[in-house]
Amino acid sequence: MTDLPIKEVAEQSGIASGTLRMWEQRYGFPKPQRTSNGYRSYSAEDVETLRRVQAYRHRGLSIASAIERAIEDGSHSDRPSLYAAVAASGRDIRPQILRKSTLIALSRAIEHETLASAAAPVLIGAFQHESFYRAVEPRYRRMAKQADIAVVFADFEAERSPSGGPVEIPIAPEDALGNEWAVVVDAPGYSACLLAWEQPGVTEPGEDDDGDRRFEAIWTLDPVATRRAAQAAARLVARADPSLGAELDQILLERPLAIEDSAPALTALTNRIVAYLETA
């Protein structure tokens, strides 16, 4: 059914008609169509989104946050992208074209600052190929020891939960994430997010000029953007492991955002970046 009156939507969603009208006026959601007589008309998708809003409200989210999350959950493609989740977030984050060697330096800076500053972080990494992850696995094991939860994505053959290490989540070749690079750290006092997608056709992994591979990259210490990337990763985890995805999502729901004033962390991280770029 695609033309549902407000009374029926209220019955199906469990949200009173008056509340639906108030949300429409205050939050711009839901956005009903109007019949020729001026009555509100809703779709079955509206009902599903409202049910997701109710579920998030029951988990403690504010109305505005619950609406945002419910709408976002219903708008994903079947090949979601961490990069796109943040690039479309409306935060003031400008992409740059970077060489792989520069991304390595940025990643090392974020990872080492995580070891130095992040207490009980949520840690997420995306590596395209398993061999790229294996090259830095010892560092990720060190970070995983102090993390609340740690997950890495690559073209692993199967999901694996090694003792003392991040959970390894396989990605399919057709997934958007298979073309992406990600380091996401979401901790109560520190957040950092580096996301990139590879520009095709410049060079191929493993060639002599591997370090010159080009990526469109965004990086930020913005806690809201970082949280959005972590939430997108939770949904990707849930496709392979629903219980682990739910656990990650619950941890994110319950933890506060990192400090809004990120100047001290920015100074420390920038210093590390400069140092690594000088020696890269």
Protein backbone atom coordinates (compact mmCIF):
# COMPACT_ATOMS: atom_id res chain seq x y z
CA MET A 1 0.00 0.00 0.00
CA THR A 2 1.39 3.40 -1.01
CA ASP A 3 -1.47 5.77 -0.09
CA LEU A 4 -2.00 5.40 3.64
CA PRO A 5 -4.03 7.91 5.68
CA ILE A 6 -2.52 9.26 8.86
CA LYS A 7 -4.87 7.21 11.04
CA GLU A 8 -3.62 3.95 9.52
CA VAL A 9 0.01 5.04 9.75
CA ALA A 10 -0.53 5.81 13.43
CA GLU A 11 -1.97 2.34 13.99
CA GLN A 12 0.82 0.56 12.11
CA SER A 13 3.69 2.56 13.60
CA GLY A 14 2.38 2.97 17.14
CA ILE A 15 2.89 6.75 16.95
CA ALA A 16 -0.13 8.95 17.59
CA SER A 17 -1.49 11.10 14.75
CA GLY A 18 -0.88 14.27 16.75
CA THR A 19 2.74 13.27 17.28
CA LEU A 20 3.19 12.63 13.56
CA ARG A 21 1.87 16.12 12.78
CA MET A 22 4.12 17.66 15.44
CA TRP A 23 7.22 15.86 14.09
CA GLU A 24 6.37 17.00 10.58
CA GLN A 25 6.20 20.61 11.72
CA ARG A 26 9.20 20.55 14.08
CA TYR A 27 11.60 18.12 12.36
CA GLY A 28 10.40 18.04 8.75
CA PHE A 29 9.62 14.35 9.11
CA PRO A 30 7.65 12.48 7.97
CA LYS A 31 6.97 14.25 4.65
CA PRO A 32 3.55 13.09 3.49
CA GLN A 33 2.07 13.65 0.08
CA ARG A 34 -1.24 15.49 -0.14
CA THR A 35 -4.40 14.16 -1.76
CA SER A 36 -6.58 16.31 -3.99
CA ASN A 37 -8.67 17.01 -0.90
CA GLY A 38 -5.62 18.14 1.07
CA TYR A 39 -5.36 15.08 3.32
CA ARG A 40 -1.99 13.65 4.29
CA SER A 41 -0.99 10.47 2.45
CA TYR A 42 1.90 8.19 3.46
CA SER A 43 3.74 5.23 1.96
CA ALA A 44 4.66 1.84 3.37
CA GLU A 45 8.28 3.05 3.45
CA ASP A 46 7.19 5.89 5.74
CA VAL A 47 5.73 3.34 8.13
CA GLU A 48 8.96 1.31 8.15
CA THR A 49 11.01 4.42 8.82
CA LEU A 50 8.70 5.42 11.67
CA ARG A 51 9.09 1.97 13.18
CA ARG A 52 12.87 2.41 13.07
CA VAL A 53 12.46 5.77 14.79
CA GLN A 54 10.50 4.07 17.57
CA ALA A 55 13.18 1.41 17.94
CA TYR A 56 15.91 4.04 18.30
CA ARG A 57 13.79 6.03 20.76
CA HIS A 58 13.46 2.90 22.90
CA ARG A 59 17.27 2.64 22.86
CA GLY A 60 17.57 6.11 24.34
CA LEU A 61 18.13 8.40 21.34
CA SER A 62 16.56 11.84 21.20
CA ILE A 63 13.76 12.35 18.69
CA ALA A 64 16.01 14.29 16.30
CA SER A 65 18.80 11.70 16.49
CA ALA A 66 16.37 8.80 16.13
CA ILE A 67 14.83 10.35 13.02
CA GLU A 68 18.24 11.01 11.48
CA ARG A 69 19.41 7.45 12.13
CA ALA A 70 16.16 5.90 10.88
CA ILE A 71 16.22 7.88 7.63
CA GLU A 72 19.89 7.08 7.12
CA ASP A 73 19.32 3.36 7.70
CA GLY A 74 16.67 3.31 5.01
CA SER A 75 18.73 5.09 2.37
CA HIS A 76 21.71 2.78 1.98
CA SER A 77 22.66 1.07 -1.22
CA ASP A 78 23.43 -2.63 -1.25
CA ARG A 79 27.13 -1.73 -1.46
CA PRO A 80 27.56 0.91 1.24
CA SER A 81 30.63 3.12 1.46
CA LEU A 82 32.32 4.52 4.57
CA TYR A 83 33.71 7.38 2.50
CA ALA A 84 30.27 8.32 1.19
CA ALA A 85 28.73 8.16 4.66
CA VAL A 86 31.03 10.95 5.85
CA ALA A 87 31.35 12.90 2.59
CA ALA A 88 27.56 13.28 2.52
CA SER A 89 27.29 14.15 6.22
CA GLY A 90 27.14 17.89 5.69
CA ARG A 91 30.26 18.47 7.80
CA ASP A 92 32.84 20.90 6.40
CA ILE A 93 35.34 18.30 5.19
CA ARG A 94 37.23 18.92 1.98
CA PRO A 95 38.66 16.02 -0.03
CA GLN A 96 42.24 15.95 -1.26
CA ILE A 97 43.99 13.78 -3.84
CA LEU A 98 46.79 11.95 -2.02
CA ARG A 99 49.37 9.34 -2.89
CA LYS A 100 49.27 6.01 -1.08
CA SER A 101 52.57 6.88 0.61
CA THR A 102 50.93 9.97 2.14
CA LEU A 103 47.94 7.94 3.30
CA ILE A 104 50.32 5.54 5.01
CA ALA A 105 51.91 8.44 6.90
CA LEU A 106 48.50 9.83 7.90
CA SER A 107 47.34 6.39 9.02
CA ARG A 108 50.45 5.84 11.12
CA ALA A 109 49.97 9.21 12.79
CA ILE A 110 46.37 8.44 13.70
CA GLU A 111 47.22 4.92 14.86
CA HIS A 112 50.16 6.01 17.02
CA GLU A 113 48.16 8.88 18.52
CA THR A 114 45.46 6.31 19.31
CA LEU A 115 47.99 4.22 21.22
CA ALA A 116 49.13 7.32 23.08
CA SER A 117 45.81 9.09 23.76
CA ALA A 118 42.70 7.00 23.13
CA ALA A 119 41.09 5.21 26.08
CA ALA A 120 38.76 2.32 25.20
CA PRO A 121 38.30 3.31 21.54
CA VAL A 122 36.12 1.81 18.88
CA LEU A 123 38.67 0.94 16.20
CA ILE A 124 37.86 0.29 12.54
CA GLY A 125 40.21 -0.25 9.61
CA ALA A 126 39.66 -1.03 5.93
CA PHE A 127 42.57 -2.33 3.86
CA GLN A 128 41.26 -3.50 0.48
CA HIS A 129 43.59 -6.54 0.46
CA GLU A 130 44.51 -8.91 3.27
CA SER A 131 48.23 -8.53 2.55
CA PHE A 132 48.02 -4.80 3.31
CA TYR A 133 46.50 -5.54 6.71
CA ARG A 134 49.02 -8.26 7.55
CA ALA A 135 51.82 -5.73 7.07
CA VAL A 136 50.46 -3.60 9.94
CA GLU A 137 48.70 -6.31 11.97
CA PRO A 138 51.08 -6.05 14.95
CA ARG A 139 50.16 -2.39 15.42
CA TYR A 140 46.45 -3.15 15.15
CA ARG A 141 46.82 -5.91 17.71
CA ARG A 142 48.38 -3.40 20.09
CA MET A 143 45.50 -0.98 19.55
CA ALA A 144 42.93 -3.78 19.88
CA LYS A 145 44.22 -4.59 23.37
CA GLN A 146 43.04 -1.19 24.63
CA ALA A 147 39.90 -1.01 22.46
CA ASP A 148 36.32 -1.71 23.46
CA ILE A 149 35.88 -3.27 20.04
CA ALA A 150 38.16 -3.50 17.00
CA VAL A 151 37.20 -4.55 13.47
CA VAL A 152 39.15 -4.67 10.21
CA PHE A 153 37.83 -5.16 6.67
CA ALA A 154 39.74 -6.74 3.77
CA ASP A 155 39.32 -9.49 1.20
CA PHE A 156 39.70 -12.15 3.91
CA GLU A 157 38.51 -15.63 2.98
CA ALA A 158 36.23 -15.78 6.03
CA GLU A 159 35.38 -13.97 9.23
CA ARG A 160 37.92 -14.58 11.95
CA SER A 161 38.22 -13.51 15.59
CA PRO A 162 41.87 -14.05 16.55
CA SER A 163 42.75 -13.91 20.23
CA GLY A 164 44.00 -10.44 21.14
CA GLY A 165 43.39 -9.01 17.67
CA PRO A 166 40.70 -7.19 15.72
CA VAL A 167 37.81 -9.17 14.28
CA GLU A 168 38.51 -9.76 10.58
CA ILE A 169 35.47 -9.12 8.36
CA PRO A 170 35.60 -10.18 4.68
CA ILE A 171 34.39 -7.83 1.96
CA ALA A 172 33.17 -8.93 -1.46
CA PRO A 173 34.97 -7.68 -4.60
CA GLU A 174 31.86 -5.80 -5.72
CA ASP A 175 31.50 -3.91 -2.42
CA ALA A 176 32.31 -0.20 -2.51
CA LEU A 177 34.42 -0.78 0.58
CA GLY A 178 36.71 -3.00 -1.50
CA ASN A 179 38.01 0.15 -3.16
CA GLU A 180 38.40 2.14 0.06
CA TRP A 181 40.93 2.90 2.77
CA ALA A 182 39.76 3.64 6.29
CA VAL A 183 41.10 4.32 9.76
CA VAL A 184 38.36 5.26 12.24
CA VAL A 185 38.95 5.83 15.95
CA ASP A 186 35.98 6.80 18.15
CA ALA A 187 36.91 7.23 21.80
CA PRO A 188 35.28 9.38 24.53
CA GLY A 189 38.23 11.80 24.58
CA TYR A 190 39.64 11.41 21.09
CA SER A 191 38.28 10.88 17.62
CA ALA A 192 39.96 10.65 14.24
CA CYS A 193 38.80 9.51 10.85
CA LEU A 194 40.76 8.97 7.61
CA LEU A 195 38.75 7.74 4.63
CA ALA A 196 39.74 7.42 0.99
CA TRP A 197 38.67 5.77 -2.24
CA GLU A 198 41.12 4.77 -4.92
CA GLN A 199 41.10 6.46 -8.29
CA PRO A 200 41.14 3.66 -10.88
CA GLY A 201 43.65 3.25 -13.66
CA VAL A 202 46.63 5.17 -12.25
CA THR A 203 48.57 2.14 -11.07
CA GLU A 204 47.82 -1.25 -9.60
CA PRO A 205 48.49 -2.67 -6.12
CA GLY A 206 51.86 -4.35 -5.81
CA GLU A 207 53.51 -2.68 -8.80
CA ASP A 208 56.84 -0.89 -8.49
CA ASP A 209 55.04 2.44 -8.24
CA ASP A 210 52.53 1.15 -5.67
CA GLY A 211 53.28 4.12 -3.42
CA ASP A 212 52.09 6.48 -6.17
CA ARG A 213 48.57 5.07 -6.29
CA ARG A 214 46.13 7.98 -6.03
CA PHE A 215 43.23 8.25 -3.59
CA GLU A 216 40.61 10.91 -2.99
CA ALA A 217 40.85 11.31 0.76
CA ILE A 218 39.16 13.08 3.65
CA TRP A 219 40.46 13.18 7.19
CA THR A 220 39.04 14.85 10.24
CA LEU A 221 38.97 14.95 14.03
CA ASP A 222 35.31 16.02 13.95
CA PRO A 223 33.55 13.72 16.47
CA VAL A 224 30.21 13.80 14.62
CA ALA A 225 31.76 12.80 11.28
CA THR A 226 33.83 10.12 12.99
CA ARG A 227 30.74 8.73 14.72
CA ARG A 228 28.91 8.61 11.38
CA ALA A 229 31.75 6.57 9.87
CA ALA A 230 31.72 4.19 12.83
CA GLN A 231 27.95 3.74 12.57
CA ALA A 232 28.24 3.00 8.85
CA ALA A 233 30.90 0.42 9.68
CA ALA A 234 28.56 -1.20 12.22
CA ARG A 235 26.00 -1.76 9.48
CA LEU A 236 28.66 -3.31 7.24
CA VAL A 237 29.75 -5.59 10.08
CA ALA A 238 26.11 -6.63 10.63
CA ARG A 239 25.87 -7.99 7.09
CA ALA A 240 28.55 -10.57 7.88
CA ASP A 241 27.90 -10.96 11.62
CA PRO A 242 24.55 -9.57 12.87
CA SER A 243 25.36 -10.06 16.55
CA LEU A 244 28.74 -8.31 16.28
CA GLY A 245 27.17 -5.49 14.27
CA ALA A 246 24.50 -5.04 16.94
CA GLU A 247 27.18 -5.04 19.66
CA LEU A 248 29.17 -2.36 17.84
CA ASP A 249 26.07 -0.27 17.25
CA GLN A 250 25.07 -0.50 20.92
CA ILE A 251 28.54 0.56 22.08
CA LEU A 252 28.31 3.62 19.84
CA LEU A 253 24.83 4.48 21.08
CA GLU A 254 25.94 4.37 24.71
CA ARG A 255 29.20 6.31 24.50
CA PRO A 256 29.50 10.10 24.45
CA LEU A 257 30.96 11.91 21.50
CA ALA A 258 34.59 12.91 21.77
CA ILE A 259 35.24 16.44 22.98
CA GLU A 260 33.90 19.06 20.60
CA ASP A 261 36.98 21.28 21.05
CA SER A 262 39.61 19.19 19.30
CA ALA A 263 42.40 21.80 19.23
CA PRO A 264 44.79 19.94 21.62
CA ALA A 265 44.32 16.65 19.79
CA LEU A 266 44.65 18.43 16.46
CA THR A 267 47.97 19.94 17.48
CA ALA A 268 49.37 16.62 18.63
CA LEU A 269 48.16 14.76 15.58
CA THR A 270 49.39 17.41 13.14
CA ASN A 271 52.82 17.26 14.73
CA ARG A 272 52.93 13.54 14.17
CA ILE A 273 51.73 13.91 10.59
CA VAL A 274 54.43 16.44 9.77
CA ALA A 275 57.08 14.23 11.32
CA TYR A 276 55.98 11.16 9.39
CA LEU A 277 55.68 13.04 6.08
CA GLU A 278 59.20 14.33 6.50
CA THR A 279 60.53 10.78 6.80
CA ALA A 280 58.10 9.06 4.39
